[in-house]
C-alpha atoms as a PDB file:
ATOM      1  CA  UNK A   1       2.998  15.754 -12.518  1.00  0.00           C
ATOM      2  CA  UNK A   2       3.196  18.784 -14.231  1.00  0.00           C
ATOM      3  CA  UNK A   3       5.914  21.289 -14.351  1.00  0.00           C
ATOM      4  CA  UNK A   4       5.373  24.312 -12.123  1.00  0.00           C
ATOM      5  CA  UNK A   5       6.868  27.642 -11.418  1.00  0.00           C
ATOM      6  CA  UNK A   6       7.590  28.111  -7.985  1.00  0.00           C
ATOM      7  CA  UNK A   7       5.218  30.375  -6.003  1.00  0.00           C
ATOM      8  CA  UNK A   8       3.323  30.396  -2.478  1.00  0.00           C
ATOM      9  CA  UNK A   9      -0.162  29.796  -2.488  1.00  0.00           C
ATOM     10  CA  UNK A  10      -2.000  32.319   0.010  1.00  0.00           C
ATOM     11  CA  UNK A  11      -3.142  30.222   2.975  1.00  0.00           C
ATOM     12  CA  UNK A  12      -6.893  30.433   2.089  1.00  0.00           C
ATOM     13  CA  UNK A  13      -6.512  29.011  -1.137  1.00  0.00           C
ATOM     14  CA  UNK A  14      -4.338  26.519   0.231  1.00  0.00           C
ATOM     15  CA  UNK A  15      -7.184  25.538   2.847  1.00  0.00           C
ATOM     16  CA  UNK A  16      -9.622  25.558   0.234  1.00  0.00           C
ATOM     17  CA  UNK A  17      -7.569  23.136  -2.007  1.00  0.00           C
ATOM     18  CA  UNK A  18      -6.932  20.749   0.835  1.00  0.00           C
ATOM     19  CA  UNK A  19     -10.591  20.849   1.759  1.00  0.00           C
ATOM     20  CA  UNK A  20     -11.877  20.173  -1.628  1.00  0.00           C
ATOM     21  CA  UNK A  21      -9.418  17.244  -1.995  1.00  0.00           C
ATOM     22  CA  UNK A  22     -10.941  15.834   1.515  1.00  0.00           C
ATOM     23  CA  UNK A  23     -14.123  16.106  -0.021  1.00  0.00           C
ATOM     24  CA  UNK A  24     -13.174  14.052  -2.871  1.00  0.00           C
ATOM     25  CA  UNK A  25     -11.851  11.718  -0.543  1.00  0.00           C
ATOM     26  CA  UNK A  26     -15.146  11.319   1.179  1.00  0.00           C
ATOM     27  CA  UNK A  27     -16.731  11.217  -2.196  1.00  0.00           C
ATOM     28  CA  UNK A  28     -14.450   8.045  -3.605  1.00  0.00           C
ATOM     29  CA  UNK A  29     -14.752   6.199  -0.204  1.00  0.00           C
ATOM     30  CA  UNK A  30     -18.571   6.510  -0.556  1.00  0.00           C
ATOM     31  CA  UNK A  31     -18.746   5.287  -4.467  1.00  0.00           C
ATOM     32  CA  UNK A  32     -16.191   2.773  -3.556  1.00  0.00           C
ATOM     33  CA  UNK A  33     -18.205   1.310  -0.751  1.00  0.00           C
ATOM     34  CA  UNK A  34     -21.206   1.722  -2.907  1.00  0.00           C
ATOM     35  CA  UNK A  35     -19.718  -0.385  -5.817  1.00  0.00           C
ATOM     36  CA  UNK A  36     -18.847  -3.313  -3.513  1.00  0.00           C
ATOM     37  CA  UNK A  37     -21.484  -5.909  -4.247  1.00  0.00           C
ATOM     38  CA  UNK A  38     -20.134  -8.417  -1.423  1.00  0.00           C
ATOM     39  CA  UNK A  39     -20.623  -7.723   2.187  1.00  0.00           C
ATOM     40  CA  UNK A  40     -18.268  -8.095   4.874  1.00  0.00           C
ATOM     41  CA  UNK A  41     -16.610 -11.245   5.443  1.00  0.00           C
ATOM     42  CA  UNK A  42     -17.806 -13.302   8.145  1.00  0.00           C
ATOM     43  CA  UNK A  43     -16.155 -12.827  11.733  1.00  0.00           C
ATOM     44  CA  UNK A  44     -14.764 -15.875  11.584  1.00  0.00           C
ATOM     45  CA  UNK A  45     -12.812 -15.826   8.331  1.00  0.00           C
ATOM     46  CA  UNK A  46     -11.398 -12.690   9.469  1.00  0.00           C
ATOM     47  CA  UNK A  47     -10.361 -14.127  12.481  1.00  0.00           C
ATOM     48  CA  UNK A  48      -8.918 -17.045  10.845  1.00  0.00           C
ATOM     49  CA  UNK A  49      -6.937 -14.551   8.597  1.00  0.00           C
ATOM     50  CA  UNK A  50      -5.371 -12.760  11.517  1.00  0.00           C
ATOM     51  CA  UNK A  51      -4.339 -15.995  12.963  1.00  0.00           C
ATOM     52  CA  UNK A  52      -2.625 -17.329   9.799  1.00  0.00           C
ATOM     53  CA  UNK A  53      -0.993 -13.703   9.146  1.00  0.00           C
ATOM     54  CA  UNK A  54       0.953 -14.458  12.371  1.00  0.00           C
ATOM     55  CA  UNK A  55       1.209 -18.260  12.154  1.00  0.00           C
ATOM     56  CA  UNK A  56       4.966 -19.052  11.371  1.00  0.00           C
ATOM     57  CA  UNK A  57       3.750 -22.758  10.145  1.00  0.00           C
ATOM     58  CA  UNK A  58       2.660 -21.326   7.181  1.00  0.00           C
ATOM     59  CA  UNK A  59       5.794 -20.882   5.564  1.00  0.00           C
ATOM     60  CA  UNK A  60       7.820 -23.929   4.102  1.00  0.00           C
ATOM     61  CA  UNK A  61      10.166 -23.547   6.578  1.00  0.00           C
ATOM     62  CA  UNK A  62       8.170 -23.611   9.482  1.00  0.00           C
ATOM     63  CA  UNK A  63       9.678 -20.440  10.752  1.00  0.00           C
ATOM     64  CA  UNK A  64       8.250 -17.580   8.671  1.00  0.00           C
ATOM     65  CA  UNK A  65       4.648 -15.789   8.728  1.00  0.00           C
ATOM     66  CA  UNK A  66       3.367 -13.136   6.833  1.00  0.00           C
ATOM     67  CA  UNK A  67       4.008 -10.901   9.496  1.00  0.00           C
ATOM     68  CA  UNK A  68       7.678 -11.621   9.920  1.00  0.00           C
ATOM     69  CA  UNK A  69       8.152  -9.049   6.815  1.00  0.00           C
ATOM     70  CA  UNK A  70       4.845  -7.326   7.002  1.00  0.00           C
ATOM     71  CA  UNK A  71       5.184  -5.821  10.886  1.00  0.00           C
ATOM     72  CA  UNK A  72       2.227  -4.009  12.090  1.00  0.00           C
ATOM     73  CA  UNK A  73       4.517  -1.559  14.045  1.00  0.00           C
ATOM     74  CA  UNK A  74       6.700  -0.822  10.589  1.00  0.00           C
ATOM     75  CA  UNK A  75       3.513  -0.015   8.619  1.00  0.00           C
ATOM     76  CA  UNK A  76       3.447  -3.650   7.630  1.00  0.00           C
ATOM     77  CA  UNK A  77       6.613  -3.406   6.032  1.00  0.00           C
ATOM     78  CA  UNK A  78      10.269  -4.718   7.196  1.00  0.00           C
ATOM     79  CA  UNK A  79      11.784  -1.244   7.338  1.00  0.00           C
ATOM     80  CA  UNK A  80      14.675  -2.458   5.121  1.00  0.00           C
ATOM     81  CA  UNK A  81      15.534  -1.333   1.715  1.00  0.00           C
ATOM     82  CA  UNK A  82      14.675  -4.481  -0.059  1.00  0.00           C
ATOM     83  CA  UNK A  83      13.338  -7.831   1.426  1.00  0.00           C
ATOM     84  CA  UNK A  84      16.382  -9.670   0.089  1.00  0.00           C
ATOM     85  CA  UNK A  85      19.621  -8.708  -1.876  1.00  0.00           C
ATOM     86  CA  UNK A  86      18.572  -7.974  -5.399  1.00  0.00           C
ATOM     87  CA  UNK A  87      14.717  -8.141  -4.481  1.00  0.00           C
ATOM     88  CA  UNK A  88      12.159  -5.386  -3.658  1.00  0.00           C
ATOM     89  CA  UNK A  89      11.036  -3.495  -0.823  1.00  0.00           C
ATOM     90  CA  UNK A  90       8.179  -4.802   0.944  1.00  0.00           C
ATOM     91  CA  UNK A  91       5.068  -3.145   0.495  1.00  0.00           C
ATOM     92  CA  UNK A  92       2.585  -2.413   3.311  1.00  0.00           C
ATOM     93  CA  UNK A  93      -0.641  -4.223   3.444  1.00  0.00           C
ATOM     94  CA  UNK A  94      -3.159  -1.575   4.432  1.00  0.00           C
ATOM     95  CA  UNK A  95      -5.259   0.151   1.602  1.00  0.00           C
ATOM     96  CA  UNK A  96      -5.930  -2.857  -0.328  1.00  0.00           C
ATOM     97  CA  UNK A  97      -9.224  -3.560   0.126  1.00  0.00           C
ATOM     98  CA  UNK A  98     -10.402  -0.874  -2.413  1.00  0.00           C
ATOM     99  CA  UNK A  99      -7.443  -1.978  -5.179  1.00  0.00           C
ATOM    100  CA  UNK A 100      -8.311  -3.856  -8.280  1.00  0.00           C
ATOM    101  CA  UNK A 101      -4.376  -4.601  -9.275  1.00  0.00           C
ATOM    102  CA  UNK A 102      -2.145  -6.133  -6.820  1.00  0.00           C
ATOM    103  CA  UNK A 103       0.905  -7.267  -8.815  1.00  0.00           C
ATOM    104  CA  UNK A 104       3.588  -4.753  -8.411  1.00  0.00           C
ATOM    105  CA  UNK A 105       4.837  -5.281 -11.883  1.00  0.00           C
ATOM    106  CA  UNK A 106       1.953  -7.693 -13.221  1.00  0.00           C
ATOM    107  CA  UNK A 107      -1.460  -6.249 -13.831  1.00  0.00           C
ATOM    108  CA  UNK A 108      -2.843  -9.875 -13.937  1.00  0.00           C
ATOM    109  CA  UNK A 109      -2.655 -10.049 -10.442  1.00  0.00           C
ATOM    110  CA  UNK A 110      -6.364  -9.228  -9.932  1.00  0.00           C
ATOM    111  CA  UNK A 111      -7.629 -10.367  -6.605  1.00  0.00           C
ATOM    112  CA  UNK A 112      -6.386 -10.015  -2.902  1.00  0.00           C
ATOM    113  CA  UNK A 113      -6.901 -13.996  -2.998  1.00  0.00           C
ATOM    114  CA  UNK A 114      -4.394 -14.341  -5.847  1.00  0.00           C
ATOM    115  CA  UNK A 115      -1.873 -11.883  -4.313  1.00  0.00           C
ATOM    116  CA  UNK A 116      -1.986 -13.762  -0.952  1.00  0.00           C
ATOM    117  CA  UNK A 117      -0.990 -17.083  -2.761  1.00  0.00           C
ATOM    118  CA  UNK A 118       2.153 -15.671  -4.803  1.00  0.00           C
ATOM    119  CA  UNK A 119       4.663 -15.440  -1.703  1.00  0.00           C
ATOM    120  CA  UNK A 120       3.375 -18.826  -0.632  1.00  0.00           C
ATOM    121  CA  UNK A 121       4.897 -20.353  -3.505  1.00  0.00           C
ATOM    122  CA  UNK A 122       7.455 -18.699  -4.033  1.00  0.00           C
ATOM    123  CA  UNK A 123      10.867 -20.290  -2.686  1.00  0.00           C
ATOM    124  CA  UNK A 124      12.446 -16.547  -2.161  1.00  0.00           C
ATOM    125  CA  UNK A 125       9.677 -15.906   0.158  1.00  0.00           C
ATOM    126  CA  UNK A 126       7.510 -18.424   1.981  1.00  0.00           C
ATOM    127  CA  UNK A 127       7.378 -21.148  -0.491  1.00  0.00           C
ATOM    128  CA  UNK A 128       7.127 -23.310  -1.921  1.00  0.00           C
ATOM    129  CA  UNK A 129       3.591 -24.579  -1.288  1.00  0.00           C
ATOM    130  CA  UNK A 130       3.623 -28.253   0.246  1.00  0.00           C
ATOM    131  CA  UNK A 131       1.444 -30.887   1.184  1.00  0.00           C
ATOM    132  CA  UNK A 132       3.520 -31.153   4.309  1.00  0.00           C
ATOM    133  CA  UNK A 133       2.921 -27.634   5.229  1.00  0.00           C
ATOM    134  CA  UNK A 134      -0.998 -28.328   5.283  1.00  0.00           C
ATOM    135  CA  UNK A 135      -0.351 -31.464   7.221  1.00  0.00           C
ATOM    136  CA  UNK A 136       1.390 -29.372   9.697  1.00  0.00           C
ATOM    137  CA  UNK A 137      -1.514 -26.830  10.022  1.00  0.00           C
ATOM    138  CA  UNK A 138      -3.937 -29.668   9.976  1.00  0.00           C
ATOM    139  CA  UNK A 139      -2.610 -31.552  13.082  1.00  0.00           C
ATOM    140  CA  UNK A 140      -3.506 -28.417  15.227  1.00  0.00           C
ATOM    141  CA  UNK A 141      -7.152 -29.139  16.722  1.00  0.00           C
ATOM    142  CA  UNK A 142      -7.194 -25.778  17.314  1.00  0.00           C
ATOM    143  CA  UNK A 143      -6.240 -24.229  14.196  1.00  0.00           C
ATOM    144  CA  UNK A 144      -8.732 -27.083  12.190  1.00  0.00           C
ATOM    145  CA  UNK A 145     -11.544 -26.005  14.555  1.00  0.00           C
ATOM    146  CA  UNK A 146     -10.979 -22.410  13.225  1.00  0.00           C
ATOM    147  CA  UNK A 147     -11.013 -23.582   9.536  1.00  0.00           C
ATOM    148  CA  UNK A 148     -14.251 -25.375  10.246  1.00  0.00           C
ATOM    149  CA  UNK A 149     -15.899 -22.185  11.819  1.00  0.00           C
ATOM    150  CA  UNK A 150     -14.738 -20.207   8.752  1.00  0.00           C
ATOM    151  CA  UNK A 151     -15.698 -22.665   6.036  1.00  0.00           C
ATOM    152  CA  UNK A 152     -19.030 -24.737   7.706  1.00  0.00           C
ATOM    153  CA  UNK A 153     -19.691 -27.646   5.273  1.00  0.00           C
ATOM    154  CA  UNK A 154     -16.778 -27.537   3.739  1.00  0.00           C
ATOM    155  CA  UNK A 155     -15.902 -31.406   2.377  1.00  0.00           C
ATOM    156  CA  UNK A 156     -12.007 -30.825   2.916  1.00  0.00           C
ATOM    157  CA  UNK A 157     -10.520 -28.312   5.511  1.00  0.00           C
ATOM    158  CA  UNK A 158      -7.240 -26.585   5.474  1.00  0.00           C
ATOM    159  CA  UNK A 159      -6.592 -26.240   1.603  1.00  0.00           C
ATOM    160  CA  UNK A 160      -4.085 -23.353  -0.161  1.00  0.00           C
ATOM    161  CA  UNK A 161      -7.684 -21.745  -1.253  1.00  0.00           C
ATOM    162  CA  UNK A 162      -9.098 -21.413   1.987  1.00  0.00           C
ATOM    163  CA  UNK A 163      -5.864 -19.802   3.260  1.00  0.00           C
ATOM    164  CA  UNK A 164      -5.897 -17.601   0.499  1.00  0.00           C
ATOM    165  CA  UNK A 165      -9.460 -16.286   1.410  1.00  0.00           C
ATOM    166  CA  UNK A 166      -8.603 -16.131   5.002  1.00  0.00           C
ATOM    167  CA  UNK A 167      -5.718 -14.322   4.456  1.00  0.00           C
ATOM    168  CA  UNK A 168      -7.309 -11.581   1.895  1.00  0.00           C
ATOM    169  CA  UNK A 169     -10.451 -11.475   4.638  1.00  0.00           C
ATOM    170  CA  UNK A 170      -7.828 -10.343   6.958  1.00  0.00           C
ATOM    171  CA  UNK A 171      -5.741  -7.923   5.148  1.00  0.00           C
ATOM    172  CA  UNK A 172      -9.256  -6.272   3.662  1.00  0.00           C
ATOM    173  CA  UNK A 173      -9.850  -6.057   7.965  1.00  0.00           C
ATOM    174  CA  UNK A 174      -6.657  -4.046   8.445  1.00  0.00           C
ATOM    175  CA  UNK A 175      -7.825  -0.471   9.387  1.00  0.00           C
ATOM    176  CA  UNK A 176      -6.782   2.608   7.581  1.00  0.00           C
ATOM    177  CA  UNK A 177      -3.591   3.962   9.489  1.00  0.00           C
ATOM    178  CA  UNK A 178      -4.393   6.674  11.964  1.00  0.00           C
ATOM    179  CA  UNK A 179      -3.030  10.257  11.451  1.00  0.00           C
ATOM    180  CA  UNK A 180      -3.974  13.760  11.096  1.00  0.00           C
ATOM    181  CA  UNK A 181      -5.409  13.386   7.630  1.00  0.00           C
ATOM    182  CA  UNK A 182      -7.594  10.437   8.616  1.00  0.00           C
ATOM    183  CA  UNK A 183      -8.725  12.390  12.195  1.00  0.00           C
ATOM    184  CA  UNK A 184      -9.341  15.628   9.874  1.00  0.00           C
ATOM    185  CA  UNK A 185     -11.824  13.522   7.538  1.00  0.00           C
ATOM    186  CA  UNK A 186     -13.346  12.415  10.953  1.00  0.00           C
ATOM    187  CA  UNK A 187     -13.765  15.964  11.673  1.00  0.00           C
ATOM    188  CA  UNK A 188     -10.915  17.411  13.945  1.00  0.00           C
ATOM    189  CA  UNK A 189     -10.466  20.183  11.550  1.00  0.00           C
ATOM    190  CA  UNK A 190      -7.375  21.528  13.757  1.00  0.00           C
ATOM    191  CA  UNK A 191      -5.677  17.568  12.970  1.00  0.00           C
ATOM    192  CA  UNK A 192      -3.798  18.795   9.622  1.00  0.00           C
ATOM    193  CA  UNK A 193      -1.025  21.403  10.396  1.00  0.00           C
ATOM    194  CA  UNK A 194      -0.737  24.908   8.242  1.00  0.00           C
ATOM    195  CA  UNK A 195       2.544  23.411   6.778  1.00  0.00           C
ATOM    196  CA  UNK A 196       0.541  20.034   5.886  1.00  0.00           C
ATOM    197  CA  UNK A 197      -2.535  22.104   4.561  1.00  0.00           C
ATOM    198  CA  UNK A 198      -0.200  24.059   2.391  1.00  0.00           C
ATOM    199  CA  UNK A 199       1.288  20.863   0.922  1.00  0.00           C
ATOM    200  CA  UNK A 200      -2.150  19.313   0.540  1.00  0.00           C
ATOM    201  CA  UNK A 201      -3.141  22.444  -1.969  1.00  0.00           C
ATOM    202  CA  UNK A 202       0.399  21.856  -3.250  1.00  0.00           C
ATOM    203  CA  UNK A 203      -0.400  18.124  -3.977  1.00  0.00           C
ATOM    204  CA  UNK A 204      -3.655  19.077  -5.653  1.00  0.00           C
ATOM    205  CA  UNK A 205      -1.916  21.715  -7.869  1.00  0.00           C
ATOM    206  CA  UNK A 206       0.850  19.850  -9.059  1.00  0.00           C
ATOM    207  CA  UNK A 207      -1.600  16.988 -10.475  1.00  0.00           C
ATOM    208  CA  UNK A 208      -0.211  14.614  -7.948  1.00  0.00           C
ATOM    209  CA  UNK A 209      -3.744  13.147  -7.314  1.00  0.00           C
ATOM    210  CA  UNK A 210      -4.375  12.191 -10.690  1.00  0.00           C
ATOM    211  CA  UNK A 211      -2.095   9.043  -9.828  1.00  0.00           C
ATOM    212  CA  UNK A 212      -2.507   9.194  -5.947  1.00  0.00           C
ATOM    213  CA  UNK A 213      -6.126   9.581  -5.846  1.00  0.00           C
ATOM    214  CA  UNK A 214      -8.092   9.862  -2.402  1.00  0.00           C
ATOM    215  CA  UNK A 215      -9.238   8.217  -0.473  1.00  0.00           C
ATOM    216  CA  UNK A 216      -6.140   5.385  -0.800  1.00  0.00           C
ATOM    217  CA  UNK A 217      -3.853   7.965  -2.390  1.00  0.00           C
ATOM    218  CA  UNK A 218      -3.284   5.146  -5.122  1.00  0.00           C
ATOM    219  CA  UNK A 219      -4.835   3.975  -8.290  1.00  0.00           C
ATOM    220  CA  UNK A 220      -4.491   0.511 -10.435  1.00  0.00           C
ATOM    221  CA  UNK A 221      -2.474   2.492 -13.200  1.00  0.00           C
ATOM    222  CA  UNK A 222       1.345   1.662 -13.967  1.00  0.00           C
ATOM    223  CA  UNK A 223       4.186   4.065 -14.609  1.00  0.00           C
ATOM    224  CA  UNK A 224       7.943   4.216 -14.870  1.00  0.00           C
ATOM    225  CA  UNK A 225       9.490   6.738 -12.329  1.00  0.00           C
ATOM    226  CA  UNK A 226      12.522   5.738 -13.510  1.00  0.00           C
ATOM    227  CA  UNK A 227      13.842   3.102 -10.156  1.00  0.00           C
ATOM    228  CA  UNK A 228      16.898   1.111 -11.198  1.00  0.00           C
ATOM    229  CA  UNK A 229      15.177  -1.999  -9.508  1.00  0.00           C
ATOM    230  CA  UNK A 230      11.993  -1.645 -11.916  1.00  0.00           C
ATOM    231  CA  UNK A 231      13.965  -1.433 -15.563  1.00  0.00           C
ATOM    232  CA  UNK A 232      13.722  -5.082 -15.916  1.00  0.00           C
ATOM    233  CA  UNK A 233      10.015  -5.497 -15.073  1.00  0.00           C
ATOM    234  CA  UNK A 234       6.789  -4.666 -16.925  1.00  0.00           C
ATOM    235  CA  UNK A 235       9.202  -2.253 -19.191  1.00  0.00           C
ATOM    236  CA  UNK A 236       9.818  -0.346 -15.698  1.00  0.00           C
ATOM    237  CA  UNK A 237       6.266   0.422 -14.803  1.00  0.00           C
ATOM    238  CA  UNK A 238       4.870  -0.348 -11.536  1.00  0.00           C
ATOM    239  CA  UNK A 239       1.617  -0.138 -10.021  1.00  0.00           C
ATOM    240  CA  UNK A 240       0.954   3.293  -8.427  1.00  0.00           C
ATOM    241  CA  UNK A 241       1.507   2.485  -4.607  1.00  0.00           C
ATOM    242  CA  UNK A 242      -1.031   3.945  -1.593  1.00  0.00           C
ATOM    243  CA  UNK A 243       0.427   6.932   0.181  1.00  0.00           C
ATOM    244  CA  UNK A 244      -1.640   6.209   3.366  1.00  0.00           C
ATOM    245  CA  UNK A 245       0.815   5.819   6.355  1.00  0.00           C
ATOM    246  CA  UNK A 246       3.873   6.604   4.090  1.00  0.00           C
ATOM    247  CA  UNK A 247       5.312   8.231   7.125  1.00  0.00           C
ATOM    248  CA  UNK A 248       5.790   4.843   8.574  1.00  0.00           C
ATOM    249  CA  UNK A 249       7.081   2.645   5.630  1.00  0.00           C
ATOM    250  CA  UNK A 250      10.649   3.803   4.818  1.00  0.00           C
ATOM    251  CA  UNK A 251      12.942   3.407   2.893  1.00  0.00           C
ATOM    252  CA  UNK A 252      11.279   4.108  -0.308  1.00  0.00           C
ATOM    253  CA  UNK A 253      11.104   3.279  -3.930  1.00  0.00           C
ATOM    254  CA  UNK A 254      11.174  -0.295  -4.927  1.00  0.00           C
ATOM    255  CA  UNK A 255      14.836  -0.603  -4.233  1.00  0.00           C
ATOM    256  CA  UNK A 256      14.909   1.280  -1.221  1.00  0.00           C
ATOM    257  CA  UNK A 257      16.828   4.127  -2.679  1.00  0.00           C
ATOM    258  CA  UNK A 258      15.189   6.932  -1.065  1.00  0.00           C
ATOM    259  CA  UNK A 259      15.822   7.105   2.821  1.00  0.00           C
ATOM    260  CA  UNK A 260      13.120   9.577   3.510  1.00  0.00           C
ATOM    261  CA  UNK A 261      10.028  11.609   2.031  1.00  0.00           C
ATOM    262  CA  UNK A 262      12.239  14.675   1.452  1.00  0.00           C
ATOM    263  CA  UNK A 263      14.341  12.462  -0.720  1.00  0.00           C
ATOM    264  CA  UNK A 264      11.143  11.140  -2.656  1.00  0.00           C
ATOM    265  CA  UNK A 265       9.929  14.646  -3.313  1.00  0.00           C
ATOM    266  CA  UNK A 266      13.137  15.533  -4.473  1.00  0.00           C
ATOM    267  CA  UNK A 267      13.528  12.765  -6.693  1.00  0.00           C
ATOM    268  CA  UNK A 268       9.974  13.800  -8.229  1.00  0.00           C
ATOM    269  CA  UNK A 269      11.350  17.120  -8.567  1.00  0.00           C
ATOM    270  CA  UNK A 270      14.213  15.903 -10.845  1.00  0.00           C
ATOM    271  CA  UNK A 271      11.559  14.538 -12.864  1.00  0.00           C
ATOM    272  CA  UNK A 272      12.056  10.751 -11.699  1.00  0.00           C
ATOM    273  CA  UNK A 273      14.928   8.629 -10.690  1.00  0.00           C
ATOM    274  CA  UNK A 274      15.956   7.710 -14.149  1.00  0.00           C
ATOM    275  CA  UNK A 275      19.644   9.289 -14.981  1.00  0.00           C
ATOM    276  CA  UNK A 276      18.299   8.985 -18.753  1.00  0.00           C
ATOM    277  CA  UNK A 277      15.079  10.561 -18.328  1.00  0.00           C
ATOM    278  CA  UNK A 278      13.266   7.659 -19.524  1.00  0.00           C
ATOM    279  CA  UNK A 279      10.170   7.591 -17.460  1.00  0.00           C
ATOM    280  CA  UNK A 280       6.340   7.740 -17.852  1.00  0.00           C
ATOM    281  CA  UNK A 281       4.819  11.089 -19.478  1.00  0.00           C
ATOM    282  CA  UNK A 282       3.251  12.018 -15.923  1.00  0.00           C
ATOM    283  CA  UNK A 283       6.630  12.050 -14.332  1.00  0.00           C
ATOM    284  CA  UNK A 284       8.008  15.658 -15.374  1.00  0.00           C
ATOM    285  CA  UNK A 285      10.280  18.021 -13.494  1.00  0.00           C
ATOM    286  CA  UNK A 286       9.165  20.471 -11.084  1.00  0.00           C
ATOM    287  CA  UNK A 287      10.080  23.883  -9.812  1.00  0.00           C
ATOM    288  CA  UNK A 288       9.997  23.845  -6.009  1.00  0.00           C
ATOM    289  CA  UNK A 289      10.880  26.193  -3.291  1.00  0.00           C
ATOM    290  CA  UNK A 290      12.326  24.785  -0.184  1.00  0.00           C
ATOM    291  CA  UNK A 291       9.345  25.553   1.675  1.00  0.00           C
ATOM    292  CA  UNK A 292       7.255  23.609  -1.190  1.00  0.00           C
ATOM    293  CA  UNK A 293       9.383  20.619  -0.329  1.00  0.00           C
ATOM    294  CA  UNK A 294       8.989  20.829   3.437  1.00  0.00           C
ATOM    295  CA  UNK A 295       5.061  21.445   3.023  1.00  0.00           C
ATOM    296  CA  UNK A 296       4.833  18.350   0.580  1.00  0.00           C
ATOM    297  CA  UNK A 297       6.369  16.364   3.248  1.00  0.00           C
ATOM    298  CA  UNK A 298       4.483  17.828   5.959  1.00  0.00           C
ATOM    299  CA  UNK A 299       1.312  16.755   4.040  1.00  0.00           C
ATOM    300  CA  UNK A 300       2.779  13.414   3.302  1.00  0.00           C
ATOM    301  CA  UNK A 301       3.609  12.823   6.751  1.00  0.00           C
ATOM    302  CA  UNK A 302      -0.150  13.434   7.623  1.00  0.00           C
ATOM    303  CA  UNK A 303      -1.684  10.968   5.426  1.00  0.00           C
END
């Protein structure tokens, strides 16, 4: 974000900039959809994936499901600062179907299928992957039938590759979070408050959309914003997260060090979290008024 001298935009310009941001969102959404060559996954595959997301038998301990940590009511997060001591904040699952990089610190995780297998292999999460886990799932006739419907003609059912494909299909099917911004894109011009409109204009003016690009308000680049938990991973550079539904997914940053969206905005206004100032060039101090902070929070809360 570039530095900025504090000033207040006239409401007409705020509205115009937010409208432009909405048009960009629509344009990107169209371009993204047009760029996807594969059609939607079969309904049976999505249904299997949704069933597996909630199935605790998928965990090596037989008691931990994907939704144990990615709770829909908490924006597909767990609401905790970190998933475990010394670990990372649990990321949400929506807004991933348009992504091309999925590892928080590893750009080589290039598909949702790869991403889905990682927690299933990690003993600190749901792993390790065991043949006994597959045997437990195969012993359920109803689940075996669901695999047969999702993978007709497969010589062997209930494999880790099939589980990854089903989970990825279900994650892609998670709808975008409802909120004022989503309703404004659907044609409800009054859905976004005046404060959120000013915040959207300021978001565009500050250059925040260079990294948090509509419609996902994310991109696949990696930046160091000075979060302490990141410093030993990938040189501190983490993938840009989506801001969709961000009002539901606190606390924030990979170490959960920001309890509120206001704390996040103020951290960026300081030029990031690092006390030594060692952050990516895109992260620079901002000069914001108190109303600027409130308006940015209102905009982020609308997404």
